Amino acid sequence: MSANHFVQNDDKFIDERPLAELEDPSLDPTEDEAGRFLRSVDSQSFIKEATESDYRALIKKLDKRLIPILFFTYALQCIDKSCLGYASVFTLSKDLGLHGKQYSWLSSLFYFGYLICEYPTTLLSQKFPLGRFIGLAIVAWGSVLIATAGAHNFAGMAVLRFILGGFESLITPTFILINGMYYTRKEQVLRTGAWAAANGFGSMVGGIIAFGMGHVNTGISGWKWIFVINGLITVIWGVLVFLLLPPSPMHAKFLSEKEKVLAVHRIRSNNTGILNRVLKWSQVREALNPFEDPQGLLLFLTIFCNEVLNGGFGAFGTLTIQSFGFDSLQSTLIYIPQGFINMICILFGGWLAQKIPNGRIYVSIGMLIPTFIGLLLQIVLPRSNVAGLLTGVYLFPPFATCLFICLSLPGVNSSGYTKRITLSSYAFLGYALGNISGPFMVKTGEKPAYRSVFIADIICIVLQAIFLIILRIYYVRENNRRDKLLAEGQIQNSKDDEFADKTDLQLPGFRYVVSDVMRRKRTMS
């Protein structure tokens, strides 16, 4: 780099080259953009002058800007994909002439769109400014939602559900990447919980909107208003996200130059990098090969089993309550507290996973227990025991906590930007396939209703616990192996590795997050 690029400004030497030139991957395709950014300014002066209060103030500023945007976006995603479930208790099936398994297909087709589009859209997010890319996707799916009100048969609704799933597919994977850009590995699980709790909030608000639309008498079916109102809100919100969500810490206009440097510097300890726009096929192969790195396959299997539950109850939740003897509006109203319970469980689980030593995977398993009990009540209680059956329904939501803790793991337990994207997409392959499979566990005309779903869900809970235990054993053994090599004198990460965009398997000094206590001990040694 030529010294001619630097000029003196307020006793600091700053690189005057255009930011586009600094970010040109052809300059060094192996390097993370954060490394180039730190060289473009006199970062060492900012870092040396920084105090603990500066870092605390920075974290608060990041939370204040990012978490509300991620929270409300995730809430709208939850509401919008669930509109079909809210509409199902009204005249949707009659108006569209649905019969047989067609309703189950409409629910699953959303996830077929999700399945096919998730990896390509996540890869595209690597090439474009992230905030604008997400904002445009939100506007697009809001428009699709409005158009859904015009569907008049199964075929039209099926196409729109597929397209909706495609546009919504990039949200959670890109949010996981945003977590890794701005927060340390210790901070990420709680932040994931903070925006993932919107899943419950959205369910609650969506239920209230659906209940209100059920009382609208305009000559237009109430289920159509559910799609129109939610779609309009989504389009407006997408414009705001386009304007307010930054593409990376290096481009965050709400941060000063010093704050940008500190935001990047504090992520160095993650050993995961921040942003690299070059697709590396070696990292794709490493993420997908279970003989090299088994965590991708284990996360896929865990999340698949988790989402079989979600796919079944997400599509048939209000209908399950209706099977207890309630009418359409009553079922919608009774379903609303589910969202509040879901929100509290995810927030509590995220907080607990951060606080308890060795906690992430143990908390995930623990959160499956209430759901297991709730499903068991649906099987053993007579249909006349409505209070007991409703209690079981309200015990369902905690299983979602397991999903979001698992989704945070690629961001904290892998390195290399392409590998993180691929691992997240692998996990979401399980998410999509589980949601596709769940609705088809239902047997038409079964008595008592949905018994086969509950039995399948119990099996999936047991399998989740087994896969999570195996995953934890892998992390612990791999950390112990690396600790042993360190004790034997192996030279591990060098300073040049911080933003070299290497994978966790290429970094001997990388340690998998098993407990904060273990990480503190290694830092102190």
Protein backbone atom coordinates (compact mmCIF):
# COMPACT_ATOMS: atom_id res chain seq x y z
CA MET A 1 0.00 0.00 0.00
CA SER A 2 1.53 3.32 -1.02
CA ALA A 3 2.20 5.97 1.64
CA ASN A 4 0.78 8.51 -0.83
CA HIS A 5 -2.71 7.31 0.06
CA PHE A 6 -2.41 8.69 3.61
CA VAL A 7 -3.00 12.28 4.72
CA GLN A 8 -2.68 13.84 8.15
CA ASN A 9 -5.97 14.89 9.76
CA ASP A 10 -6.24 16.01 13.40
CA ASP A 11 -2.89 14.33 14.19
CA LYS A 12 -4.12 11.02 12.74
CA PHE A 13 -3.14 9.46 9.43
CA ILE A 14 -6.15 8.42 7.38
CA ASP A 15 -6.26 6.47 4.12
CA GLU A 16 -7.94 8.71 1.54
CA ARG A 17 -8.69 6.01 -1.04
CA PRO A 18 -12.38 5.56 -1.92
CA LEU A 19 -14.14 2.99 0.26
CA ALA A 20 -15.12 1.02 -2.88
CA GLU A 21 -11.40 0.60 -3.67
CA LEU A 22 -10.65 -0.43 -0.11
CA GLU A 23 -13.36 -3.09 -0.35
CA ASP A 24 -12.37 -4.44 -3.76
CA PRO A 25 -12.04 -8.18 -3.10
CA SER A 26 -9.48 -8.42 -5.93
CA LEU A 27 -6.99 -6.58 -3.73
CA ASP A 28 -6.85 -9.58 -1.40
CA PRO A 29 -9.63 -12.13 -1.85
CA THR A 30 -8.59 -14.05 1.26
CA GLU A 31 -9.05 -11.10 3.60
CA ASP A 32 -12.18 -10.04 5.43
CA GLU A 33 -13.39 -6.49 4.64
CA ALA A 34 -13.00 -5.57 8.30
CA GLY A 35 -9.22 -6.00 8.04
CA ARG A 36 -9.06 -3.63 5.07
CA PHE A 37 -11.26 -1.14 6.90
CA LEU A 38 -8.99 -1.08 9.96
CA ARG A 39 -6.02 -0.31 7.69
CA SER A 40 -7.93 2.53 6.01
CA VAL A 41 -7.94 4.57 9.22
CA ASP A 42 -5.53 5.12 12.09
CA SER A 43 -7.32 2.41 14.06
CA GLN A 44 -4.60 1.89 16.67
CA SER A 45 -5.04 5.42 18.04
CA PHE A 46 -8.79 4.90 18.45
CA ILE A 47 -8.27 1.53 20.10
CA LYS A 48 -5.62 2.78 22.54
CA GLU A 49 -7.77 5.74 23.59
CA ALA A 50 -10.93 3.65 24.12
CA THR A 51 -12.20 3.00 27.64
CA GLU A 52 -14.62 0.41 29.02
CA SER A 53 -17.33 3.07 29.13
CA ASP A 54 -16.78 3.69 25.39
CA TYR A 55 -17.43 0.01 24.66
CA ARG A 56 -20.49 -0.10 26.93
CA ALA A 57 -21.92 2.99 25.24
CA LEU A 58 -21.23 1.43 21.83
CA ILE A 59 -23.09 -1.78 22.72
CA LYS A 60 -26.08 0.24 23.89
CA LYS A 61 -26.03 2.26 20.67
CA LEU A 62 -25.89 -0.92 18.57
CA ASP A 63 -28.75 -2.48 20.53
CA LYS A 64 -30.85 0.66 20.24
CA ARG A 65 -30.55 0.73 16.45
CA LEU A 66 -30.42 -2.95 15.49
CA ILE A 67 -32.62 -4.90 17.90
CA PRO A 68 -35.89 -2.96 17.24
CA ILE A 69 -35.40 -3.35 13.46
CA LEU A 70 -34.66 -7.08 13.73
CA PHE A 71 -37.48 -7.61 16.25
CA PHE A 72 -40.26 -5.96 14.25
CA THR A 73 -39.06 -7.48 10.97
CA TYR A 74 -39.12 -10.94 12.53
CA ALA A 75 -42.55 -10.27 14.03
CA LEU A 76 -43.92 -9.34 10.60
CA GLN A 77 -42.34 -12.42 9.05
CA CYS A 78 -44.07 -14.59 11.65
CA ILE A 79 -47.42 -12.85 11.16
CA ASP A 80 -47.26 -12.94 7.37
CA LYS A 81 -46.34 -16.61 6.99
CA SER A 82 -49.02 -17.50 9.57
CA CYS A 83 -51.82 -15.61 7.81
CA LEU A 84 -52.95 -18.88 6.21
CA GLY A 85 -53.41 -20.43 9.65
CA TYR A 86 -55.41 -17.43 10.89
CA ALA A 87 -57.51 -17.48 7.71
CA SER A 88 -58.20 -21.22 7.98
CA VAL A 89 -60.82 -20.85 10.70
CA PHE A 90 -62.86 -18.48 8.50
CA THR A 91 -64.22 -19.24 5.03
CA LEU A 92 -60.89 -19.68 3.22
CA SER A 93 -61.33 -23.41 2.48
CA LYS A 94 -64.87 -22.89 1.23
CA ASP A 95 -64.03 -19.84 -0.90
CA LEU A 96 -61.05 -21.57 -2.55
CA GLY A 97 -62.84 -24.90 -2.89
CA LEU A 98 -60.16 -26.78 -0.95
CA HIS A 99 -60.55 -30.49 -0.38
CA GLY A 100 -58.49 -33.47 0.80
CA LYS A 101 -54.86 -32.54 1.53
CA GLN A 102 -54.94 -29.24 -0.34
CA TYR A 103 -54.82 -27.12 2.83
CA SER A 104 -51.77 -29.09 4.01
CA TRP A 105 -50.16 -28.47 0.62
CA LEU A 106 -50.77 -24.71 0.91
CA SER A 107 -49.03 -24.71 4.26
CA SER A 108 -46.10 -26.76 2.95
CA LEU A 109 -45.67 -24.87 -0.33
CA PHE A 110 -44.49 -21.83 1.61
CA TYR A 111 -41.59 -23.95 2.85
CA PHE A 112 -40.91 -25.38 -0.61
CA GLY A 113 -40.28 -21.76 -1.67
CA TYR A 114 -38.18 -21.31 1.44
CA LEU A 115 -36.24 -24.51 0.71
CA ILE A 116 -35.39 -23.64 -2.90
CA CYS A 117 -34.61 -19.94 -2.41
CA GLU A 118 -32.92 -19.79 0.99
CA TYR A 119 -29.33 -20.62 -0.01
CA PRO A 120 -29.31 -18.60 -3.28
CA THR A 121 -30.79 -15.52 -1.58
CA THR A 122 -28.33 -15.79 1.31
CA LEU A 123 -25.45 -16.01 -1.16
CA LEU A 124 -26.84 -12.96 -2.99
CA SER A 125 -26.85 -11.08 0.32
CA GLN A 126 -23.05 -11.58 0.30
CA LYS A 127 -22.83 -9.52 -2.91
CA PHE A 128 -25.15 -6.58 -2.10
CA PRO A 129 -25.54 -4.07 0.77
CA LEU A 130 -27.28 -6.18 3.40
CA GLY A 131 -29.72 -3.60 4.79
CA ARG A 132 -31.06 -2.59 1.39
CA PHE A 133 -31.26 -6.19 0.21
CA ILE A 134 -33.38 -7.14 3.24
CA GLY A 135 -35.57 -4.04 2.86
CA LEU A 136 -36.37 -4.86 -0.77
CA ALA A 137 -37.21 -8.46 0.14
CA ILE A 138 -39.66 -7.23 2.82
CA VAL A 139 -41.40 -4.90 0.34
CA ALA A 140 -41.62 -7.78 -2.14
CA TRP A 141 -43.22 -10.26 0.23
CA GLY A 142 -45.61 -7.61 1.55
CA SER A 143 -46.77 -7.07 -2.05
CA VAL A 144 -47.22 -10.83 -2.51
CA LEU A 145 -49.29 -10.95 0.68
CA ILE A 146 -51.64 -8.24 -0.62
CA ALA A 147 -51.98 -10.14 -3.90
CA THR A 148 -52.92 -13.29 -1.96
CA ALA A 149 -56.28 -11.71 -1.09
CA GLY A 150 -57.12 -11.98 -4.78
CA ALA A 151 -56.60 -15.75 -4.98
CA HIS A 152 -59.80 -17.57 -5.92
CA ASN A 153 -58.66 -21.19 -6.19
CA PHE A 154 -56.06 -23.65 -4.95
CA ALA A 155 -53.66 -23.11 -7.87
CA GLY A 156 -53.48 -19.34 -7.44
CA MET A 157 -53.01 -19.57 -3.70
CA ALA A 158 -50.36 -22.28 -4.14
CA VAL A 159 -48.22 -20.11 -6.44
CA LEU A 160 -48.44 -17.11 -4.11
CA ARG A 161 -47.55 -19.21 -1.05
CA PHE A 162 -44.47 -20.55 -2.84
CA ILE A 163 -43.30 -17.05 -3.85
CA LEU A 164 -43.94 -15.73 -0.33
CA GLY A 165 -41.71 -18.44 1.13
CA GLY A 166 -38.95 -17.56 -1.33
CA PHE A 167 -38.89 -13.88 -0.34
CA GLU A 168 -39.09 -14.58 3.39
CA SER A 169 -36.36 -17.23 3.26
CA LEU A 170 -33.42 -14.87 3.63
CA ILE A 171 -34.52 -13.18 6.87
CA THR A 172 -33.33 -15.52 9.61
CA PRO A 173 -30.02 -16.52 7.94
CA THR A 174 -29.10 -12.88 7.33
CA PHE A 175 -30.09 -11.96 10.89
CA ILE A 176 -27.67 -14.63 12.15
CA LEU A 177 -24.96 -13.01 10.01
CA ILE A 178 -25.85 -9.57 11.39
CA ASN A 179 -25.44 -10.94 14.92
CA GLY A 180 -21.93 -12.08 14.04
CA MET A 181 -21.05 -8.69 12.52
CA TYR A 182 -21.87 -6.64 15.61
CA TYR A 183 -21.74 -8.87 18.71
CA THR A 184 -19.25 -11.09 20.49
CA ARG A 185 -19.93 -14.80 20.76
CA LYS A 186 -21.04 -14.39 24.39
CA GLU A 187 -23.49 -11.62 23.47
CA GLN A 188 -25.04 -13.32 20.45
CA VAL A 189 -27.29 -15.88 22.14
CA LEU A 190 -29.16 -13.21 24.13
CA ARG A 191 -29.47 -10.94 21.06
CA THR A 192 -30.77 -13.86 19.03
CA GLY A 193 -33.33 -14.43 21.77
CA ALA A 194 -34.25 -10.73 21.74
CA TRP A 195 -35.28 -10.68 18.07
CA ALA A 196 -36.43 -14.30 17.93
CA ALA A 197 -38.92 -13.53 20.72
CA ALA A 198 -40.76 -11.59 18.04
CA ASN A 199 -41.94 -14.98 16.83
CA GLY A 200 -44.28 -15.08 19.83
CA PHE A 201 -45.06 -11.38 19.66
CA GLY A 202 -46.02 -11.75 16.00
CA SER A 203 -48.20 -14.74 16.75
CA MET A 204 -50.00 -12.73 19.41
CA VAL A 205 -50.48 -9.61 17.28
CA GLY A 206 -51.45 -11.68 14.24
CA GLY A 207 -54.11 -13.42 16.29
CA ILE A 208 -55.51 -10.08 17.47
CA ILE A 209 -55.62 -8.77 13.87
CA ALA A 210 -57.32 -11.96 12.70
CA PHE A 211 -59.86 -11.72 15.54
CA GLY A 212 -60.60 -8.11 14.56
CA MET A 213 -60.95 -8.95 10.87
CA GLY A 214 -63.43 -11.66 11.81
CA HIS A 215 -65.81 -8.89 12.93
CA VAL A 216 -65.50 -6.85 9.70
CA ASN A 217 -68.70 -6.90 7.68
CA THR A 218 -68.01 -5.30 4.29
CA GLY A 219 -69.20 -8.00 1.95
CA ILE A 220 -65.58 -9.15 1.55
CA SER A 221 -64.49 -12.33 3.33
CA GLY A 222 -62.68 -11.70 6.62
CA TRP A 223 -59.70 -13.86 5.61
CA LYS A 224 -58.96 -11.54 2.69
CA TRP A 225 -58.68 -8.55 5.01
CA ILE A 226 -56.10 -10.49 7.07
CA PHE A 227 -53.80 -10.66 4.02
CA VAL A 228 -54.43 -7.07 2.86
CA ILE A 229 -53.89 -5.35 6.22
CA ASN A 230 -50.76 -7.34 7.09
CA GLY A 231 -49.39 -6.85 3.57
CA LEU A 232 -49.75 -3.06 3.69
CA ILE A 233 -48.02 -2.87 7.07
CA THR A 234 -45.19 -5.04 5.73
CA VAL A 235 -44.60 -2.89 2.62
CA ILE A 236 -44.34 0.29 4.72
CA TRP A 237 -41.97 -1.42 7.16
CA GLY A 238 -39.80 -2.69 4.30
CA VAL A 239 -39.18 0.88 3.14
CA LEU A 240 -38.07 1.85 6.66
CA VAL A 241 -35.71 -1.13 6.88
CA PHE A 242 -34.22 -0.19 3.49
CA LEU A 243 -33.39 3.25 4.90
CA LEU A 244 -32.36 2.37 8.47
CA LEU A 245 -30.59 -1.02 8.50
CA PRO A 246 -26.84 -0.61 7.76
CA PRO A 247 -24.98 -3.10 5.54
CA SER A 248 -22.12 -3.64 8.02
CA PRO A 249 -20.38 -1.94 10.99
CA MET A 250 -17.90 -0.38 8.54
CA HIS A 251 -20.76 1.37 6.68
CA ALA A 252 -23.06 2.21 9.62
CA LYS A 253 -23.90 5.90 9.22
CA PHE A 254 -25.23 6.09 12.77
CA LEU A 255 -21.71 5.33 14.10
CA SER A 256 -18.81 7.77 14.24
CA GLU A 257 -15.43 6.81 12.72
CA LYS A 258 -14.14 5.88 16.17
CA GLU A 259 -17.24 3.80 16.95
CA LYS A 260 -16.88 1.91 13.65
CA VAL A 261 -13.28 1.02 14.54
CA LEU A 262 -14.26 -0.12 18.04
CA ALA A 263 -17.23 -2.09 16.68
CA VAL A 264 -14.89 -4.02 14.39
CA HIS A 265 -12.10 -4.35 16.95
CA ARG A 266 -14.32 -5.87 19.64
CA ILE A 267 -15.38 -8.66 17.24
CA ARG A 268 -11.77 -9.78 16.74
CA SER A 269 -12.03 -12.17 19.69
CA ASN A 270 -14.73 -14.14 17.83
CA ASN A 271 -12.16 -15.40 15.30
CA THR A 272 -15.06 -15.50 12.79
CA GLY A 273 -14.51 -12.37 10.67
CA ILE A 274 -17.26 -9.91 9.68
CA LEU A 275 -17.79 -9.74 5.90
CA ASN A 276 -16.16 -11.29 2.83
CA ARG A 277 -17.82 -11.02 -0.59
CA VAL A 278 -15.85 -13.87 -2.20
CA LEU A 279 -17.57 -17.27 -2.37
CA LYS A 280 -15.07 -19.97 -1.37
CA TRP A 281 -16.04 -23.45 -2.54
CA SER A 282 -13.55 -25.11 -0.18
CA GLN A 283 -15.54 -23.66 2.73
CA VAL A 284 -18.81 -24.91 1.21
CA ARG A 285 -17.40 -28.44 0.99
CA GLU A 286 -16.08 -28.30 4.55
CA ALA A 287 -19.46 -27.20 5.92
CA LEU A 288 -21.38 -29.91 4.07
CA ASN A 289 -19.01 -32.85 4.67
CA PRO A 290 -19.90 -34.54 7.99
CA PHE A 291 -16.61 -36.44 7.94
CA GLU A 292 -14.75 -33.11 8.11
CA ASP A 293 -17.19 -31.20 10.33
CA PRO A 294 -20.25 -33.05 11.70
CA GLN A 295 -21.94 -30.02 13.25
CA GLY A 296 -23.75 -29.12 10.01
CA LEU A 297 -25.45 -32.52 9.77
CA LEU A 298 -26.29 -32.59 13.49
CA LEU A 299 -27.83 -29.10 13.35
CA PHE A 300 -29.79 -30.11 10.25
CA LEU A 301 -31.24 -33.20 11.98
CA THR A 302 -32.02 -31.33 15.22
CA ILE A 303 -33.79 -28.47 13.46
CA PHE A 304 -35.65 -30.83 11.13
CA CYS A 305 -37.14 -32.65 14.13
CA ASN A 306 -37.93 -29.33 15.83
CA GLU A 307 -39.76 -27.99 12.82
CA VAL A 308 -41.88 -31.10 12.29
CA LEU A 309 -43.55 -29.89 15.50
CA ASN A 310 -43.85 -26.35 14.20
CA GLY A 311 -45.11 -27.41 10.78
CA GLY A 312 -47.88 -29.49 12.29
CA PHE A 313 -49.05 -27.20 15.05
CA GLY A 314 -48.30 -23.99 13.13
CA ALA A 315 -50.73 -25.01 10.41
CA PHE A 316 -53.31 -26.74 12.61
CA GLY A 317 -52.98 -24.88 15.95
CA THR A 318 -56.23 -22.94 15.76
CA LEU A 319 -57.95 -25.94 14.20
CA THR A 320 -56.74 -28.09 17.12
CA ILE A 321 -58.41 -25.69 19.55
CA GLN A 322 -61.52 -25.64 17.38
CA SER A 323 -61.64 -29.45 17.69
CA PHE A 324 -62.20 -28.98 21.45
CA GLY A 325 -65.65 -27.55 20.63
CA PHE A 326 -64.98 -23.82 20.12
CA ASP A 327 -66.15 -21.73 17.15
CA SER A 328 -63.86 -19.84 14.74
CA LEU A 329 -63.57 -16.54 16.62
CA GLN A 330 -63.24 -18.28 20.00
CA SER A 331 -60.45 -20.50 18.67
CA THR A 332 -58.57 -17.48 17.31
CA LEU A 333 -58.91 -15.65 20.64
CA ILE A 334 -57.87 -18.66 22.74
CA TYR A 335 -54.80 -19.15 20.53
CA ILE A 336 -53.44 -15.64 21.25
CA PRO A 337 -51.82 -16.41 24.67
CA GLN A 338 -49.64 -18.99 22.87
CA GLY A 339 -47.73 -16.10 21.32
CA PHE A 340 -47.08 -14.44 24.68
CA ILE A 341 -45.84 -17.72 26.18
CA ASN A 342 -43.61 -18.27 23.14
CA MET A 343 -42.09 -14.80 23.49
CA ILE A 344 -41.36 -15.19 27.21
CA CYS A 345 -39.85 -18.67 26.73
CA ILE A 346 -37.46 -17.52 24.00
CA LEU A 347 -36.33 -14.47 26.00
CA PHE A 348 -35.92 -16.55 29.16
CA GLY A 349 -34.11 -19.33 27.29
CA GLY A 350 -31.69 -16.88 25.65
CA TRP A 351 -30.93 -15.24 29.00
CA LEU A 352 -30.52 -18.61 30.73
CA ALA A 353 -28.22 -19.97 28.00
CA GLN A 354 -25.93 -16.98 28.49
CA LYS A 355 -25.93 -17.15 32.29
CA ILE A 356 -25.57 -20.88 33.02
CA PRO A 357 -22.12 -22.47 32.56
CA ASN A 358 -22.25 -25.17 29.86
CA GLY A 359 -25.77 -23.90 29.30
CA ARG A 360 -26.68 -23.54 25.63
CA ILE A 361 -27.35 -27.14 24.73
CA TYR A 362 -28.65 -28.08 28.18
CA VAL A 363 -31.15 -25.19 28.05
CA SER A 364 -32.22 -26.34 24.56
CA ILE A 365 -32.96 -29.83 25.89
CA GLY A 366 -34.68 -28.48 29.00
CA MET A 367 -37.03 -26.33 26.91
CA LEU A 368 -38.28 -29.46 25.13
CA ILE A 369 -39.65 -30.95 28.37
CA PRO A 370 -42.77 -28.72 28.78
CA THR A 371 -43.66 -29.36 25.13
CA PHE A 372 -43.27 -33.11 25.69
CA ILE A 373 -45.70 -32.92 28.63
CA GLY A 374 -48.19 -30.81 26.63
CA LEU A 375 -48.18 -33.32 23.77
CA LEU A 376 -48.60 -36.22 26.18
CA LEU A 377 -51.69 -34.53 27.67
CA GLN A 378 -53.27 -34.39 24.20
CA ILE A 379 -52.89 -38.16 23.91
CA VAL A 380 -53.91 -39.36 27.38
CA LEU A 381 -56.70 -36.93 28.31
CA PRO A 382 -60.32 -37.50 27.22
CA ARG A 383 -61.86 -34.94 24.85
CA SER A 384 -64.24 -33.95 27.65
CA ASN A 385 -61.34 -32.53 29.72
CA VAL A 386 -61.15 -29.24 27.82
CA ALA A 387 -59.25 -27.43 30.61
CA GLY A 388 -56.54 -30.09 30.62
CA LEU A 389 -56.29 -30.11 26.84
CA LEU A 390 -55.93 -26.32 26.74
CA THR A 391 -53.25 -26.51 29.44
CA GLY A 392 -51.39 -28.92 27.18
CA VAL A 393 -51.73 -26.53 24.24
CA TYR A 394 -50.23 -23.71 26.32
CA LEU A 395 -47.27 -25.98 27.18
CA PHE A 396 -46.33 -26.34 23.49
CA PRO A 397 -44.36 -23.08 22.84
CA PRO A 398 -41.06 -23.69 24.75
CA PHE A 399 -39.75 -26.04 22.05
CA ALA A 400 -39.17 -23.00 19.80
CA THR A 401 -36.39 -21.87 22.17
CA CYS A 402 -34.36 -24.89 21.10
CA LEU A 403 -34.63 -23.79 17.47
CA PHE A 404 -33.24 -20.31 18.04
CA ILE A 405 -30.38 -21.46 20.25
CA CYS A 406 -29.43 -23.96 17.53
CA LEU A 407 -29.68 -21.27 14.85
CA SER A 408 -27.19 -19.14 16.79
CA LEU A 409 -24.56 -21.90 16.78
CA PRO A 410 -23.26 -21.46 13.18
CA GLY A 411 -22.56 -17.82 14.02
CA VAL A 412 -20.50 -18.62 17.12
CA ASN A 413 -19.08 -22.09 16.39
CA SER A 414 -17.78 -21.67 12.85
CA SER A 415 -15.36 -19.35 11.12
CA GLY A 416 -15.03 -18.31 7.49
CA TYR A 417 -17.80 -16.18 5.98
CA THR A 418 -18.79 -18.65 3.26
CA LYS A 419 -18.75 -21.52 5.75
CA ARG A 420 -21.03 -19.64 8.16
CA ILE A 421 -23.49 -18.89 5.34
CA THR A 422 -23.44 -22.53 4.25
CA LEU A 423 -23.87 -23.93 7.76
CA SER A 424 -26.79 -21.57 8.37
CA SER A 425 -28.35 -22.63 5.08
CA TYR A 426 -27.80 -26.31 5.93
CA ALA A 427 -29.61 -25.73 9.21
CA PHE A 428 -32.44 -23.98 7.35
CA LEU A 429 -32.71 -26.89 4.97
CA GLY A 430 -33.82 -28.85 8.04
CA TYR A 431 -36.12 -25.97 8.99
CA ALA A 432 -37.86 -26.02 5.60
CA LEU A 433 -38.10 -29.81 5.29
CA GLY A 434 -39.47 -30.11 8.84
CA ASN A 435 -42.16 -27.53 8.17
CA ILE A 436 -43.02 -29.22 4.88
CA SER A 437 -43.35 -32.60 6.61
CA GLY A 438 -45.29 -31.47 9.69
CA PRO A 439 -48.70 -30.79 8.10
CA PHE A 440 -48.69 -34.21 6.41
CA MET A 441 -48.58 -35.97 9.77
CA VAL A 442 -52.29 -35.14 10.01
CA LYS A 443 -54.71 -37.93 9.10
CA THR A 444 -58.04 -36.68 7.74
CA GLY A 445 -61.01 -37.71 9.86
CA GLU A 446 -58.83 -39.11 12.67
CA LYS A 447 -60.52 -39.54 16.08
CA PRO A 448 -59.48 -38.00 18.40
CA ALA A 449 -58.33 -35.23 16.08
CA TYR A 450 -54.59 -34.83 15.36
CA ARG A 451 -53.49 -37.79 17.54
CA SER A 452 -50.98 -38.96 14.89
CA VAL A 453 -49.38 -35.48 14.89
CA PHE A 454 -48.90 -35.56 18.65
CA ILE A 455 -47.29 -39.02 18.57
CA ALA A 456 -44.91 -37.98 15.76
CA ASP A 457 -44.01 -34.80 17.66
CA ILE A 458 -43.10 -36.76 20.81
CA ILE A 459 -40.76 -38.96 18.77
CA CYS A 460 -39.16 -35.84 17.28
CA ILE A 461 -38.57 -34.33 20.72
CA VAL A 462 -36.68 -37.44 21.87
CA LEU A 463 -34.58 -37.43 18.69
CA GLN A 464 -33.74 -33.73 19.15
CA ALA A 465 -32.35 -34.40 22.62
CA ILE A 466 -30.19 -37.24 21.29
CA PHE A 467 -28.75 -35.14 18.43
CA LEU A 468 -28.02 -32.23 20.78
CA ILE A 469 -26.12 -34.48 23.20
CA ILE A 470 -24.00 -35.84 20.33
CA LEU A 471 -23.29 -32.29 19.16
CA ARG A 472 -22.14 -31.21 22.59
CA ILE A 473 -19.85 -34.26 22.87
CA TYR A 474 -18.26 -33.25 19.54
CA TYR A 475 -17.63 -29.67 20.71
CA VAL A 476 -16.13 -30.77 24.03
CA ARG A 477 -13.87 -33.40 22.47
CA GLU A 478 -12.64 -31.02 19.78
CA ASN A 479 -11.85 -28.32 22.37
CA ASN A 480 -10.00 -30.86 24.52
CA ARG A 481 -7.98 -32.05 21.50
CA ARG A 482 -6.93 -28.50 20.68
CA ASP A 483 -6.10 -27.75 24.31
CA LYS A 484 -3.86 -30.80 24.38
CA LEU A 485 -2.01 -29.65 21.25
CA LEU A 486 -1.56 -26.21 22.80
CA ALA A 487 -0.12 -27.77 25.97
CA GLU A 488 2.29 -29.76 23.79
CA GLY A 489 3.63 -26.51 22.33
CA GLN A 490 1.64 -26.12 19.10
CA ILE A 491 1.63 -22.57 17.79
CA GLN A 492 -2.03 -21.64 17.34
CA ASN A 493 -3.66 -18.50 15.89
CA SER A 494 -1.43 -15.63 14.83
CA LYS A 495 -2.51 -12.00 14.71
CA ASP A 496 -2.72 -12.23 10.91
CA ASP A 497 -5.45 -14.89 11.23
CA GLU A 498 -7.99 -12.47 12.77
CA PHE A 499 -9.48 -11.32 9.46
CA ALA A 500 -7.93 -13.90 7.11
CA ASP A 501 -11.34 -15.53 6.48
CA LYS A 502 -10.11 -18.97 7.54
CA THR A 503 -12.45 -21.66 8.83
CA ASP A 504 -12.55 -22.99 12.38
CA LEU A 505 -10.84 -26.18 11.17
CA GLN A 506 -8.00 -24.06 9.76
CA LEU A 507 -7.56 -22.13 13.02
CA PRO A 508 -6.01 -24.32 15.75
CA GLY A 509 -6.70 -21.58 18.29
CA PHE A 510 -10.45 -21.56 17.62
CA ARG A 511 -12.57 -22.91 20.49
CA TYR A 512 -16.18 -23.99 20.20
CA VAL A 513 -18.63 -22.30 22.54
CA VAL A 514 -19.57 -24.83 25.18
CA SER A 515 -19.47 -22.61 28.25
CA ASP A 516 -18.44 -19.08 29.11
CA VAL A 517 -16.54 -20.43 32.12
CA MET A 518 -14.33 -22.54 29.83
CA ARG A 519 -13.66 -19.56 27.58
CA ARG A 520 -12.70 -17.36 30.53
CA LYS A 521 -10.27 -19.97 31.78
CA ARG A 522 -8.58 -20.17 28.38
CA THR A 523 -8.38 -16.39 28.11
CA MET A 524 -6.73 -16.17 31.51
CA SER A 525 -4.21 -18.95 30.79
